[in-house]
Amino acid sequence: MQFIPQKIGSNIIQRIAESRKQRHEAAVEDLHLELCLINNEVEPLIEWESLQLLKKLKDDDNDIEAILTSLQDENLLKMSLPMLETVWEDILIHSGKRQNWIAELDNNLKLIETDRLNKIKSVFKKFGDKFLKIAHLANSDLQRFLDKETQMINQTVLSNQRSYADLFVRLLSADVEREKAQRVAWQRRVEDWKAANIQSVMDNFRNFMMNDSVKQPENIAKVRNDFKLEQEKLQSLCIASLQTMCDMKPPISTKSAVYKWRNDINTIVIELDSVNQMYLNKLYEEHEQVCQMCVEKINSEKEKLIDSGICSSHRARQLMEEYMLPLVGQQQRLVESELEGLEKQLEAQKTKLEEEIKTLFKFSQGAAHLWDVHEIGLAKQERALQEKLEEIRYSHDQSNQEKEANLDLVMDRMRQDANDVALKDSLIKANVMLDKIRESYLEFHKQQTELVKSYPNMINSELLDYENKMCTFFSVAKAKTNDFKELHSEEEEVDTEIQEKQSEILSAQSVHSVSSNFQLITILTSPLPVPEESLGGKFASAWLHSRLFHTDHTGVCQRAVVLLLSTC
């Protein structure tokens, strides 16, 4: 439509255009004011939603920190793997809540932004109609103006949406990083818990290996005590047997006695060796039980590590092989070394004891052999003396029987004589015969006495030989002559007593009495009053042995016995 002014020079059009322009500009200002009011209304909501989220996240951080505080070192060993997993599950629950809160914020912001867009749409619709009514601009220009305004608002809205999306991504990323960091911290505490529990298990096992139940078990101490008592018992028997060797002096120091002593002490040594082996086997068995107990302890700790989730079976086996088994092996090597040393000591003791017993047996056997040889020599000398005495007696009996037969004839003739002359003559003959018989008995007695007196000289060589052999055998000096003065004085007293008694007998008897002659014959033929066993020389030999065995031989034997006792 075109208006034609009625008159030329009117400014109504300008005034109308100016009015429309003013109203248009006022409407634009109102539009901008409405948009600002919408923004002022929406921005506090956005800020409030953001602050609420921050407050929730901060409170939740405190809650998570409180949960993580339960994983401190002082509480860590008191917890189990399920408890640690429960802690992480609680953290995951909080992570879910936080993600929900972030998503809720994003949704709320989108709702707020949608509400703002709706309000902006209604404002643009209202002011679009108003601009049309004002008609300051042509429709095309008005449309361009509104498109320009709308485009600016759309750019702002898109920028806000990008900011919301970026905020949402940043919040989620931060929460994921927070969860990742807390996961790392939790895993670190789990590793610390595993390391602490492994160290605790290692310390407990190390303390177990240092315990008296492993180092000094009661059963092993009891076996050792019983072993000691058995050894002391057998040692006392061995000492008693060796003491009998010290007391073994002539005439009981024979080879049979020495052989019997060797059999007795060998029996004790065999019993001692069997006792040693028996208790040594018991010690091995007890230590084997201790090692088995250690292995069972290792398996128990291994199962504990696996069942409690402290480590895997491979790691548990590795710990067992690297830390536990070496301790058991070290203890086992120490025990085996100790038992092997004990076994070697017992074997060395047995060998040394057998050698010492063998040496003492040979030594005692040599001494007994000297005594046996000496007894044989004395027996030979005694048999020689008996044979010589028997020869003298036989010769005397032969001559005496002839004289007695002649005497019997004279006595028969005397009974037949009828006168004094014949009787006197027969009596003279009888007295002569009795004198001859008397002289024969005196000669017989003299020969026996001289033979018996020569017997000490006969055995003197045996005694000297025995003395020399004994001194050589025992490596001692020969006894001095003064040592035999007591023996010689005793022998002289015996000889003097014999001579005095013979003189008394000879002076007290009458040579003219037949009964007296027969009494003299009986006395002369009776055994001489010499000391017991003096005839066989055993008194002198026993004295010599007593001197040797009570002095030097006893010392040598005691030294040998001391050597044996030291090995027991």
Protein backbone atom coordinates (compact mmCIF):
# COMPACT_ATOMS: atom_id res chain seq x y z
CA MET A 1 0.00 0.00 0.00
CA GLN A 2 1.31 3.52 -0.85
CA PHE A 3 0.17 6.58 0.97
CA ILE A 4 -0.17 9.76 -1.00
CA PRO A 5 0.09 12.82 1.10
CA GLN A 6 -2.68 15.34 0.68
CA LYS A 7 -0.37 18.14 0.67
CA ILE A 8 3.13 18.69 -0.27
CA GLY A 9 5.68 19.41 2.49
CA SER A 10 4.07 17.36 5.33
CA ASN A 11 6.48 15.39 7.71
CA ILE A 12 4.02 12.89 9.01
CA ILE A 13 5.81 10.06 7.40
CA GLN A 14 9.04 10.95 9.03
CA ARG A 15 7.34 11.28 12.33
CA ILE A 16 5.62 7.94 11.91
CA ALA A 17 8.90 6.32 10.90
CA GLU A 18 10.63 7.99 13.81
CA SER A 19 7.96 6.73 16.15
CA ARG A 20 8.19 3.23 14.79
CA LYS A 21 11.94 3.38 15.10
CA GLN A 22 11.73 4.48 18.68
CA ARG A 23 9.20 1.82 19.53
CA HIS A 24 11.29 -0.74 17.65
CA GLU A 25 14.40 0.21 19.53
CA ALA A 26 12.47 0.17 22.79
CA ALA A 27 11.15 -3.27 21.89
CA VAL A 28 14.69 -4.43 21.12
CA GLU A 29 15.81 -3.14 24.51
CA ASP A 30 12.88 -4.89 26.11
CA LEU A 31 13.85 -8.04 24.26
CA HIS A 32 17.37 -7.82 25.53
CA LEU A 33 16.07 -7.01 28.99
CA GLU A 34 13.80 -10.06 28.92
CA LEU A 35 16.72 -12.22 27.82
CA CYS A 36 18.85 -10.80 30.64
CA LEU A 37 16.11 -11.49 33.10
CA ILE A 38 15.92 -15.06 31.86
CA ASN A 39 19.69 -15.39 32.24
CA ASN A 40 19.58 -13.84 35.71
CA GLU A 41 16.91 -16.33 36.62
CA VAL A 42 18.73 -19.37 35.19
CA GLU A 43 22.33 -18.67 36.29
CA PRO A 44 21.60 -18.97 40.05
CA LEU A 45 20.00 -22.33 39.41
CA ILE A 46 23.08 -23.50 37.56
CA GLU A 47 25.34 -22.19 40.32
CA TRP A 48 23.20 -23.80 43.01
CA GLU A 49 23.25 -27.18 41.25
CA SER A 50 27.02 -26.93 40.86
CA LEU A 51 27.54 -25.98 44.50
CA GLN A 52 25.32 -28.85 45.63
CA LEU A 53 27.41 -31.26 43.59
CA LEU A 54 30.64 -29.83 44.99
CA LYS A 55 29.29 -30.16 48.52
CA LYS A 56 28.25 -33.76 47.91
CA LEU A 57 31.59 -34.61 46.36
CA LYS A 58 33.47 -33.00 49.24
CA ASP A 59 31.42 -34.87 51.83
CA ASP A 60 31.89 -38.04 49.86
CA ASP A 61 35.65 -37.43 49.73
CA ASN A 62 35.65 -37.19 53.51
CA ASP A 63 33.71 -40.44 53.73
CA ILE A 64 36.14 -42.18 51.38
CA GLU A 65 39.09 -40.78 53.32
CA ALA A 66 37.57 -42.17 56.50
CA ILE A 67 37.25 -45.55 54.81
CA LEU A 68 40.88 -45.42 53.67
CA THR A 69 41.95 -44.39 57.17
CA SER A 70 40.97 -47.87 58.36
CA LEU A 71 43.89 -49.17 56.29
CA GLN A 72 46.53 -47.62 58.54
CA ASP A 73 49.56 -49.66 59.58
CA GLU A 74 48.32 -50.30 63.11
CA ASN A 75 45.09 -51.82 61.80
CA LEU A 76 46.46 -53.47 58.68
CA LEU A 77 47.61 -56.76 60.26
CA LYS A 78 44.27 -57.12 62.03
CA MET A 79 42.41 -57.20 58.74
CA SER A 80 41.81 -60.08 56.38
CA LEU A 81 41.63 -60.11 52.62
CA PRO A 82 37.78 -60.17 52.62
CA MET A 83 37.83 -57.10 54.87
CA LEU A 84 40.20 -55.35 52.46
CA GLU A 85 37.95 -56.27 49.55
CA THR A 86 34.98 -54.96 51.52
CA VAL A 87 36.81 -51.64 51.87
CA TRP A 88 37.24 -51.41 48.13
CA GLU A 89 33.64 -52.40 47.55
CA ASP A 90 32.61 -49.54 49.82
CA ILE A 91 34.78 -47.19 47.76
CA LEU A 92 33.16 -48.52 44.58
CA ILE A 93 29.74 -47.83 46.09
CA HIS A 94 30.78 -44.23 46.68
CA SER A 95 32.15 -44.06 43.14
CA GLY A 96 28.75 -45.13 41.80
CA LYS A 97 27.06 -42.49 43.88
CA ARG A 98 29.45 -39.82 42.64
CA GLN A 99 28.89 -40.80 39.03
CA ASN A 100 25.15 -40.68 39.59
CA TRP A 101 25.50 -37.23 41.11
CA ILE A 102 27.52 -36.05 38.13
CA ALA A 103 24.98 -37.51 35.72
CA GLU A 104 22.19 -35.92 37.75
CA LEU A 105 23.97 -32.55 37.54
CA ASP A 106 24.32 -32.95 33.80
CA ASN A 107 20.63 -33.78 33.48
CA ASN A 108 19.64 -30.86 35.71
CA LEU A 109 21.78 -28.48 33.70
CA LYS A 110 20.24 -29.77 30.50
CA LEU A 111 16.77 -29.28 31.98
CA ILE A 112 17.66 -25.78 33.08
CA GLU A 113 19.05 -25.01 29.66
CA THR A 114 15.95 -26.47 28.01
CA ASP A 115 13.74 -24.37 30.26
CA ARG A 116 15.78 -21.28 29.35
CA LEU A 117 15.39 -22.09 25.66
CA ASN A 118 11.67 -22.43 26.08
CA LYS A 119 11.51 -19.11 27.84
CA ILE A 120 13.66 -17.52 25.14
CA LYS A 121 11.36 -19.00 22.48
CA SER A 122 8.31 -17.51 24.14
CA VAL A 123 10.08 -14.15 24.43
CA PHE A 124 11.07 -14.20 20.77
CA LYS A 125 7.55 -15.19 19.78
CA LYS A 126 6.10 -12.37 21.83
CA PHE A 127 8.55 -9.77 20.56
CA GLY A 128 8.30 -11.11 16.99
CA ASP A 129 4.63 -10.27 16.99
CA LYS A 130 5.40 -6.96 18.62
CA PHE A 131 8.01 -6.11 15.98
CA LEU A 132 5.47 -6.99 13.31
CA LYS A 133 2.97 -4.62 14.84
CA ILE A 134 5.53 -1.86 15.11
CA ALA A 135 6.51 -2.52 11.51
CA HIS A 136 9.63 -0.44 11.70
CA LEU A 137 11.41 -2.93 9.54
CA ALA A 138 10.26 -4.78 6.59
CA ASN A 139 9.42 -8.39 7.05
CA SER A 140 12.56 -9.51 5.39
CA ASP A 141 14.65 -7.11 7.41
CA LEU A 142 12.79 -8.05 10.56
CA GLN A 143 13.35 -11.69 9.80
CA ARG A 144 17.04 -11.06 9.30
CA PHE A 145 17.17 -9.13 12.55
CA LEU A 146 15.43 -11.90 14.44
CA ASP A 147 17.61 -14.53 12.79
CA LYS A 148 20.67 -12.59 13.83
CA GLU A 149 19.48 -12.38 17.42
CA THR A 150 18.44 -16.01 17.36
CA GLN A 151 21.78 -17.01 15.92
CA MET A 152 23.61 -15.23 18.73
CA ILE A 153 21.41 -16.93 21.30
CA ASN A 154 21.91 -20.29 19.60
CA GLN A 155 25.65 -19.79 19.70
CA THR A 156 25.41 -19.01 23.39
CA VAL A 157 23.22 -22.05 23.96
CA LEU A 158 25.60 -24.28 22.02
CA SER A 159 28.51 -22.86 23.98
CA ASN A 160 26.67 -23.60 27.20
CA GLN A 161 25.92 -27.13 26.06
CA ARG A 162 29.55 -27.64 25.14
CA SER A 163 30.52 -26.30 28.53
CA TYR A 164 28.06 -28.65 30.21
CA ALA A 165 29.36 -31.60 28.22
CA ASP A 166 32.95 -30.59 28.95
CA LEU A 167 32.08 -30.21 32.63
CA PHE A 168 30.45 -33.61 32.63
CA VAL A 169 33.49 -35.19 30.96
CA ARG A 170 35.89 -33.39 33.26
CA LEU A 171 33.93 -34.41 36.33
CA LEU A 172 33.78 -38.03 35.21
CA SER A 173 37.48 -38.00 34.26
CA ALA A 174 38.42 -36.48 37.60
CA ASP A 175 36.32 -39.04 39.41
CA VAL A 176 37.84 -41.84 37.35
CA GLU A 177 41.32 -40.52 38.15
CA ARG A 178 40.30 -40.25 41.78
CA GLU A 179 39.04 -43.83 41.70
CA LYS A 180 42.19 -44.94 39.90
CA ALA A 181 44.41 -43.22 42.47
CA GLN A 182 42.41 -44.72 45.31
CA ARG A 183 42.58 -48.10 43.59
CA VAL A 184 46.35 -47.77 43.41
CA ALA A 185 46.47 -46.70 47.06
CA TRP A 186 44.21 -49.60 48.04
CA GLN A 187 46.30 -52.05 46.03
CA ARG A 188 49.43 -50.63 47.65
CA ARG A 189 47.89 -51.18 51.06
CA VAL A 190 46.89 -54.69 50.00
CA GLU A 191 50.47 -55.33 48.93
CA ASP A 192 51.65 -53.86 52.23
CA TRP A 193 49.19 -56.12 54.01
CA LYS A 194 50.48 -59.13 52.08
CA ALA A 195 54.10 -58.15 52.70
CA ALA A 196 53.40 -57.57 56.40
CA ASN A 197 51.61 -60.89 56.72
CA ILE A 198 54.38 -62.67 54.81
CA GLN A 199 56.96 -61.04 57.08
CA SER A 200 54.86 -62.01 60.10
CA VAL A 201 54.71 -65.60 58.88
CA MET A 202 58.47 -65.58 58.26
CA ASP A 203 59.13 -64.13 61.72
CA ASN A 204 56.81 -66.64 63.35
CA PHE A 205 58.51 -69.51 61.54
CA ARG A 206 61.94 -68.12 62.43
CA ASN A 207 60.89 -67.88 66.08
CA PHE A 208 59.52 -71.40 65.82
CA MET A 209 62.89 -72.61 64.53
CA MET A 210 64.63 -70.83 67.43
CA ASN A 211 62.22 -72.31 69.97
CA ASP A 212 63.33 -74.96 72.47
CA SER A 213 60.92 -77.40 70.86
CA VAL A 214 63.29 -77.40 67.86
CA LYS A 215 66.64 -76.47 69.40
CA GLN A 216 66.37 -78.48 72.62
CA PRO A 217 63.37 -80.82 72.49
CA GLU A 218 62.36 -82.49 75.74
CA ASN A 219 62.32 -85.96 74.18
CA ILE A 220 65.90 -85.56 72.94
CA ALA A 221 67.00 -84.26 76.34
CA LYS A 222 65.33 -87.28 77.97
CA VAL A 223 67.06 -89.67 75.53
CA ARG A 224 70.41 -87.99 76.22
CA ASN A 225 69.85 -88.24 79.97
CA ASP A 226 68.93 -91.93 79.71
CA PHE A 227 71.95 -92.45 77.46
CA LYS A 228 74.19 -90.85 80.06
CA LEU A 229 72.75 -92.99 82.86
CA GLU A 230 73.23 -96.19 80.84
CA GLN A 231 76.80 -95.20 80.02
CA GLU A 232 77.54 -94.42 83.67
CA LYS A 233 76.09 -97.78 84.67
CA LEU A 234 78.22 -99.68 82.15
CA GLN A 235 81.21 -97.51 82.99
CA SER A 236 80.93 -98.53 86.64
CA LEU A 237 80.86 -102.19 85.55
CA CYS A 238 83.91 -101.59 83.35
CA ILE A 239 85.75 -99.86 86.20
CA ALA A 240 84.86 -102.73 88.55
CA SER A 241 86.17 -105.22 85.98
CA LEU A 242 89.37 -103.23 85.60
CA GLN A 243 89.70 -103.08 89.38
CA THR A 244 89.70 -106.88 89.46
CA MET A 245 92.72 -106.70 87.16
CA CYS A 246 94.45 -104.48 89.72
CA ASP A 247 93.70 -107.07 92.41
CA MET A 248 94.88 -109.97 90.23
CA LYS A 249 98.15 -111.08 91.89
CA PRO A 250 99.81 -114.48 92.23
CA PRO A 251 98.80 -117.15 92.76
CA ILE A 252 95.42 -116.21 91.18
CA SER A 253 97.00 -114.37 88.24
CA THR A 254 96.67 -117.31 85.88
CA LYS A 255 95.96 -117.36 82.17
CA SER A 256 92.50 -118.75 82.75
CA ALA A 257 91.74 -115.86 85.12
CA VAL A 258 93.04 -113.38 82.53
CA TYR A 259 90.95 -115.02 79.78
CA LYS A 260 87.91 -114.90 82.04
CA TRP A 261 88.55 -111.23 82.75
CA ARG A 262 88.87 -110.52 79.02
CA ASN A 263 85.59 -112.30 78.28
CA ASP A 264 83.85 -110.37 81.05
CA ILE A 265 85.10 -106.96 79.96
CA ASN A 266 84.49 -107.77 76.27
CA THR A 267 80.90 -108.55 77.21
CA ILE A 268 80.66 -105.14 78.88
CA VAL A 269 82.24 -103.44 75.85
CA ILE A 270 79.83 -105.21 73.48
CA GLU A 271 76.90 -104.19 75.66
CA LEU A 272 78.24 -100.62 75.78
CA ASP A 273 78.50 -100.55 71.98
CA SER A 274 74.96 -101.90 71.60
CA VAL A 275 73.69 -99.27 74.06
CA ASN A 276 75.54 -96.56 72.13
CA GLN A 277 74.03 -97.69 68.84
CA MET A 278 70.55 -98.02 70.33
CA TYR A 279 70.53 -94.52 71.83
CA LEU A 280 72.23 -93.08 68.75
CA ASN A 281 69.40 -94.49 66.64
CA LYS A 282 66.91 -93.03 69.13
CA LEU A 283 68.57 -89.62 68.77
CA TYR A 284 68.36 -89.91 64.98
CA GLU A 285 64.68 -90.86 65.25
CA GLU A 286 63.88 -87.98 67.61
CA HIS A 287 65.66 -85.47 65.39
CA GLU A 288 63.85 -86.92 62.38
CA GLN A 289 60.57 -86.30 64.19
CA VAL A 290 61.66 -82.72 64.89
CA CYS A 291 62.46 -82.22 61.18
CA GLN A 292 59.09 -83.74 60.28
CA MET A 293 57.43 -81.31 62.70
CA CYS A 294 59.27 -78.45 60.97
CA VAL A 295 58.09 -79.66 57.55
CA GLU A 296 54.52 -79.88 58.86
CA LYS A 297 54.87 -76.34 60.18
CA ILE A 298 56.05 -75.21 56.72
CA ASN A 299 53.07 -76.87 55.05
CA SER A 300 50.75 -75.30 57.61
CA GLU A 301 52.17 -71.83 56.97
CA LYS A 302 52.01 -72.44 53.22
CA GLU A 303 48.32 -73.39 53.41
CA LYS A 304 47.71 -70.38 55.64
CA LEU A 305 49.27 -68.05 53.06
CA ILE A 306 47.24 -69.57 50.24
CA ASP A 307 43.92 -69.87 52.09
CA SER A 308 44.07 -66.32 53.47
CA GLY A 309 44.83 -64.97 49.99
CA ILE A 310 48.12 -63.45 51.06
CA CYS A 311 49.87 -64.92 48.05
CA SER A 312 49.41 -67.46 45.30
CA SER A 313 50.46 -71.09 45.53
CA HIS A 314 53.46 -70.38 43.31
CA ARG A 315 54.59 -67.50 45.53
CA ALA A 316 53.97 -69.57 48.67
CA ARG A 317 56.08 -72.40 47.25
CA GLN A 318 58.76 -69.87 46.35
CA LEU A 319 58.76 -68.46 49.90
CA MET A 320 58.93 -71.97 51.30
CA GLU A 321 61.91 -72.86 49.11
CA GLU A 322 63.78 -69.56 49.61
CA TYR A 323 63.24 -68.84 53.30
CA MET A 324 61.71 -71.74 55.24
CA LEU A 325 63.41 -74.83 53.84
CA PRO A 326 66.93 -73.31 54.19
CA LEU A 327 66.30 -72.78 57.91
CA VAL A 328 65.16 -76.39 58.29
CA GLY A 329 68.10 -77.57 56.19
CA GLN A 330 70.51 -75.55 58.29
CA GLN A 331 69.08 -77.00 61.50
CA GLN A 332 69.16 -80.50 60.00
CA ARG A 333 72.79 -80.09 58.89
CA LEU A 334 73.71 -78.85 62.35
CA VAL A 335 72.01 -81.83 64.00
CA GLU A 336 73.49 -84.30 61.51
CA SER A 337 76.95 -82.81 62.05
CA GLU A 338 76.50 -83.11 65.82
CA LEU A 339 75.25 -86.70 65.58
CA GLU A 340 77.98 -87.65 63.12
CA GLY A 341 80.56 -86.16 65.50
CA LEU A 342 79.00 -88.10 68.37
CA GLU A 343 79.00 -91.28 66.28
CA LYS A 344 82.65 -90.78 65.34
CA GLN A 345 83.55 -90.12 68.97
CA LEU A 346 81.74 -93.27 70.08
CA GLU A 347 83.43 -95.28 67.32
CA ALA A 348 86.83 -93.83 68.24
CA GLN A 349 86.11 -94.54 71.91
CA LYS A 350 85.14 -98.11 71.07
CA THR A 351 88.27 -98.64 68.96
CA LYS A 352 90.52 -97.11 71.60
CA LEU A 353 88.84 -99.10 74.37
CA GLU A 354 89.24 -102.34 72.43
CA GLU A 355 92.89 -101.53 71.73
CA GLU A 356 93.55 -100.68 75.37
CA ILE A 357 91.78 -103.83 76.54
CA LYS A 358 93.74 -105.86 74.01
CA THR A 359 96.98 -104.25 75.20
CA LEU A 360 96.09 -104.81 78.85
CA PHE A 361 95.06 -108.39 78.05
CA LYS A 362 98.38 -109.08 76.35
CA PHE A 363 100.18 -107.38 79.22
CA SER A 364 98.32 -109.40 81.86
CA GLN A 365 98.60 -112.54 79.76
CA GLY A 366 102.36 -112.04 79.64
CA ALA A 367 102.51 -111.64 83.43
CA ALA A 368 100.31 -114.71 83.89
CA HIS A 369 102.50 -116.63 81.43
CA LEU A 370 105.57 -115.78 83.51
CA TRP A 371 103.81 -117.06 86.60
CA ASP A 372 102.68 -120.24 84.83
CA VAL A 373 106.21 -120.88 83.55
CA HIS A 374 107.54 -120.25 87.03
CA GLU A 375 104.99 -122.63 88.56
CA ILE A 376 105.95 -125.27 85.99
CA GLY A 377 109.62 -124.79 86.86
CA LEU A 378 108.86 -125.06 90.56
CA ALA A 379 106.75 -128.14 89.94
CA LYS A 380 109.66 -129.70 88.04
CA GLN A 381 112.05 -128.93 90.88
CA GLU A 382 109.56 -130.31 93.38
CA ARG A 383 109.12 -133.48 91.35
CA ALA A 384 112.90 -133.79 91.11
CA LEU A 385 113.13 -133.41 94.89
CA GLN A 386 110.41 -135.99 95.42
CA GLU A 387 112.13 -138.37 93.04
CA LYS A 388 115.47 -137.97 94.83
CA LEU A 389 113.77 -138.43 98.21
CA GLU A 390 112.05 -141.52 96.88
CA GLU A 391 115.36 -142.86 95.60
CA ILE A 392 117.00 -142.32 98.99
CA ARG A 393 114.03 -143.85 100.75
CA TYR A 394 114.00 -146.80 98.35
CA SER A 395 117.74 -147.42 98.88
CA HIS A 396 117.31 -147.07 102.62
CA ASP A 397 114.31 -149.40 102.64
CA GLN A 398 116.22 -152.05 100.69
CA SER A 399 119.22 -152.02 103.04
CA ASN A 400 117.02 -151.62 106.08
CA GLN A 401 114.86 -154.61 105.17
CA GLU A 402 118.01 -156.79 105.03
CA LYS A 403 119.17 -155.49 108.41
CA GLU A 404 115.75 -156.00 109.94
CA ALA A 405 115.63 -159.53 108.53
CA ASN A 406 119.00 -160.31 110.17
CA LEU A 407 117.74 -158.70 113.36
CA ASP A 408 114.65 -160.89 113.27
CA LEU A 409 116.88 -163.99 112.94
CA VAL A 410 118.98 -162.90 115.92
CA MET A 411 115.82 -162.21 117.91
CA ASP A 412 114.45 -165.64 117.04
CA ARG A 413 117.75 -167.19 118.07
CA MET A 414 117.62 -165.30 121.38
CA ARG A 415 114.21 -166.78 122.05
CA GLN A 416 115.69 -170.23 121.40
CA ASP A 417 118.90 -169.77 123.47
CA ALA A 418 118.88 -171.83 126.66
CA ASN A 419 121.80 -170.39 128.63
CA ASP A 420 123.05 -166.99 129.58
CA VAL A 421 126.12 -167.16 127.41
CA ALA A 422 124.11 -167.75 124.29
CA LEU A 423 121.63 -165.04 125.29
CA LYS A 424 124.45 -162.61 125.99
CA ASP A 425 126.07 -163.38 122.67
CA SER A 426 122.74 -162.96 120.84
CA LEU A 427 122.12 -159.71 122.72
CA ILE A 428 125.47 -158.36 121.65
CA LYS A 429 124.69 -159.28 118.05
CA ALA A 430 121.26 -157.70 118.35
CA ASN A 431 122.75 -154.47 119.74
CA VAL A 432 125.27 -154.41 116.94
CA MET A 433 122.49 -154.84 114.40
CA LEU A 434 120.43 -152.15 116.09
CA ASP A 435 123.42 -149.85 116.00
CA LYS A 436 123.71 -150.50 112.30
CA ILE A 437 120.00 -149.88 111.85
CA ARG A 438 120.36 -146.71 113.90
CA GLU A 439 123.29 -145.58 111.82
CA SER A 440 121.32 -146.43 108.70
CA TYR A 441 118.39 -144.29 109.83
CA LEU A 442 120.73 -141.49 110.86
CA GLU A 443 122.38 -141.67 107.46
CA PHE A 444 118.94 -141.78 105.81
CA HIS A 445 117.86 -138.76 107.84
CA LYS A 446 121.08 -136.99 107.08
CA GLN A 447 120.70 -137.59 103.36
CA GLN A 448 117.10 -136.40 103.38
CA THR A 449 117.98 -133.38 105.48
CA GLU A 450 120.87 -132.43 103.23
CA LEU A 451 118.68 -132.94 100.17
CA VAL A 452 115.90 -130.84 101.66
CA LYS A 453 118.40 -128.17 102.69
CA SER A 454 119.73 -128.09 99.16
CA TYR A 455 116.25 -127.55 97.77
CA PRO A 456 116.30 -123.73 98.20
CA ASN A 457 119.50 -123.73 96.18
CA MET A 458 117.77 -125.93 93.62
CA ILE A 459 114.92 -123.46 93.17
CA ASN A 460 117.14 -120.42 93.56
CA SER A 461 117.85 -120.42 89.83
CA GLU A 462 114.11 -120.58 89.15
CA LEU A 463 113.49 -117.68 91.50
CA LEU A 464 116.31 -115.61 90.03
CA ASP A 465 115.13 -116.35 86.50
CA TYR A 466 111.56 -115.45 87.46
CA GLU A 467 112.76 -112.31 89.17
CA ASN A 468 114.77 -111.23 86.12
CA LYS A 469 111.88 -111.96 83.77
CA MET A 470 109.43 -110.07 85.99
CA CYS A 471 111.74 -107.07 86.26
CA THR A 472 112.27 -107.07 82.48
CA PHE A 473 108.55 -107.52 81.80
CA PHE A 474 107.47 -104.71 84.12
CA SER A 475 110.49 -102.54 83.26
CA VAL A 476 111.46 -102.14 86.90
CA ALA A 477 114.79 -102.25 88.69
CA LYS A 478 115.89 -105.46 90.35
CA ALA A 479 115.22 -105.64 94.08
CA LYS A 480 118.19 -105.11 96.39
CA THR A 481 119.69 -107.87 98.54
CA ASN A 482 118.48 -106.16 101.71
CA ASP A 483 114.94 -106.78 100.59
CA PHE A 484 115.47 -110.52 101.12
CA LYS A 485 117.00 -110.32 104.63
CA GLU A 486 113.65 -110.94 106.25
CA LEU A 487 113.10 -114.07 104.12
CA HIS A 488 116.63 -115.39 104.84
CA SER A 489 116.27 -114.78 108.56
CA GLU A 490 112.97 -116.68 108.56
CA GLU A 491 114.61 -119.60 106.73
CA GLU A 492 117.56 -119.62 109.16
CA GLU A 493 115.15 -119.66 112.11
CA VAL A 494 113.36 -122.64 110.56
CA ASP A 495 116.68 -124.50 110.05
CA THR A 496 117.77 -123.74 113.62
CA GLU A 497 114.48 -124.99 114.96
CA ILE A 498 114.83 -128.23 112.95
CA GLN A 499 118.38 -128.82 114.20
CA GLU A 500 117.47 -128.13 117.83
CA LYS A 501 114.57 -130.54 117.66
CA GLN A 502 116.73 -133.22 116.08
CA SER A 503 119.36 -132.83 118.84
CA GLU A 504 116.71 -133.10 121.53
CA ILE A 505 115.36 -136.25 119.94
CA LEU A 506 118.80 -137.84 119.58
CA SER A 507 119.86 -137.06 123.17
CA ALA A 508 116.60 -138.14 124.73
CA GLN A 509 116.41 -141.61 123.19
CA SER A 510 118.38 -144.65 124.29
CA VAL A 511 120.23 -146.63 121.66
CA HIS A 512 119.89 -149.81 123.72
CA SER A 513 116.10 -150.02 123.69
CA VAL A 514 114.37 -151.72 120.82
CA SER A 515 111.24 -149.70 121.37
CA SER A 516 113.30 -146.53 121.52
CA ASN A 517 115.02 -147.44 118.27
CA PHE A 518 111.69 -147.98 116.56
CA GLN A 519 110.47 -144.68 118.04
CA LEU A 520 113.55 -142.97 116.63
CA ILE A 521 112.95 -144.60 113.28
CA THR A 522 109.36 -143.36 113.35
CA ILE A 523 110.44 -139.81 114.22
CA LEU A 524 113.20 -139.74 111.64
CA THR A 525 110.93 -141.00 108.90
CA SER A 526 108.16 -138.54 109.80
CA PRO A 527 107.85 -135.27 107.78
CA LEU A 528 110.20 -132.52 108.85
CA PRO A 529 108.67 -129.58 110.78
CA VAL A 530 109.24 -127.06 108.02
CA PRO A 531 106.85 -124.22 107.16
CA GLU A 532 103.82 -125.09 105.05
CA GLU A 533 104.60 -125.24 101.29
CA SER A 534 108.24 -124.55 102.03
CA LEU A 535 109.11 -127.98 100.68
CA GLY A 536 107.71 -126.99 97.30
CA GLY A 537 109.36 -123.59 97.28
CA LYS A 538 105.99 -121.85 96.92
CA PHE A 539 106.56 -119.77 100.01
CA ALA A 540 109.62 -118.09 98.53
CA SER A 541 108.01 -117.70 95.12
CA ALA A 542 104.85 -116.26 96.58
CA TRP A 543 106.91 -113.86 98.64
CA LEU A 544 108.79 -112.72 95.57
CA HIS A 545 105.54 -112.28 93.63
CA SER A 546 104.00 -110.42 96.53
CA ARG A 547 106.93 -108.05 96.62
CA LEU A 548 106.83 -107.45 92.88
CA PHE A 549 103.07 -107.17 92.55
CA HIS A 550 102.67 -104.98 95.63
CA THR A 551 105.26 -102.50 94.43
CA ASP A 552 106.22 -102.11 90.82
CA HIS A 553 103.68 -104.42 89.17
CA THR A 554 100.78 -102.77 90.97
CA GLY A 555 101.98 -99.39 89.78
CA VAL A 556 102.30 -100.58 86.19
CA CYS A 557 98.89 -102.25 86.27
CA GLN A 558 97.31 -99.19 87.83
CA ARG A 559 98.82 -96.98 85.13
CA ALA A 560 97.42 -99.31 82.48
CA VAL A 561 94.03 -99.29 84.20
CA VAL A 562 94.07 -95.48 84.40
CA LEU A 563 94.57 -95.39 80.64
CA LEU A 564 91.60 -97.70 80.20
CA LEU A 565 89.45 -95.71 82.62
CA SER A 566 90.19 -92.54 80.69
CA THR A 567 88.74 -94.16 77.58
CA CYS A 568 85.59 -95.22 79.41
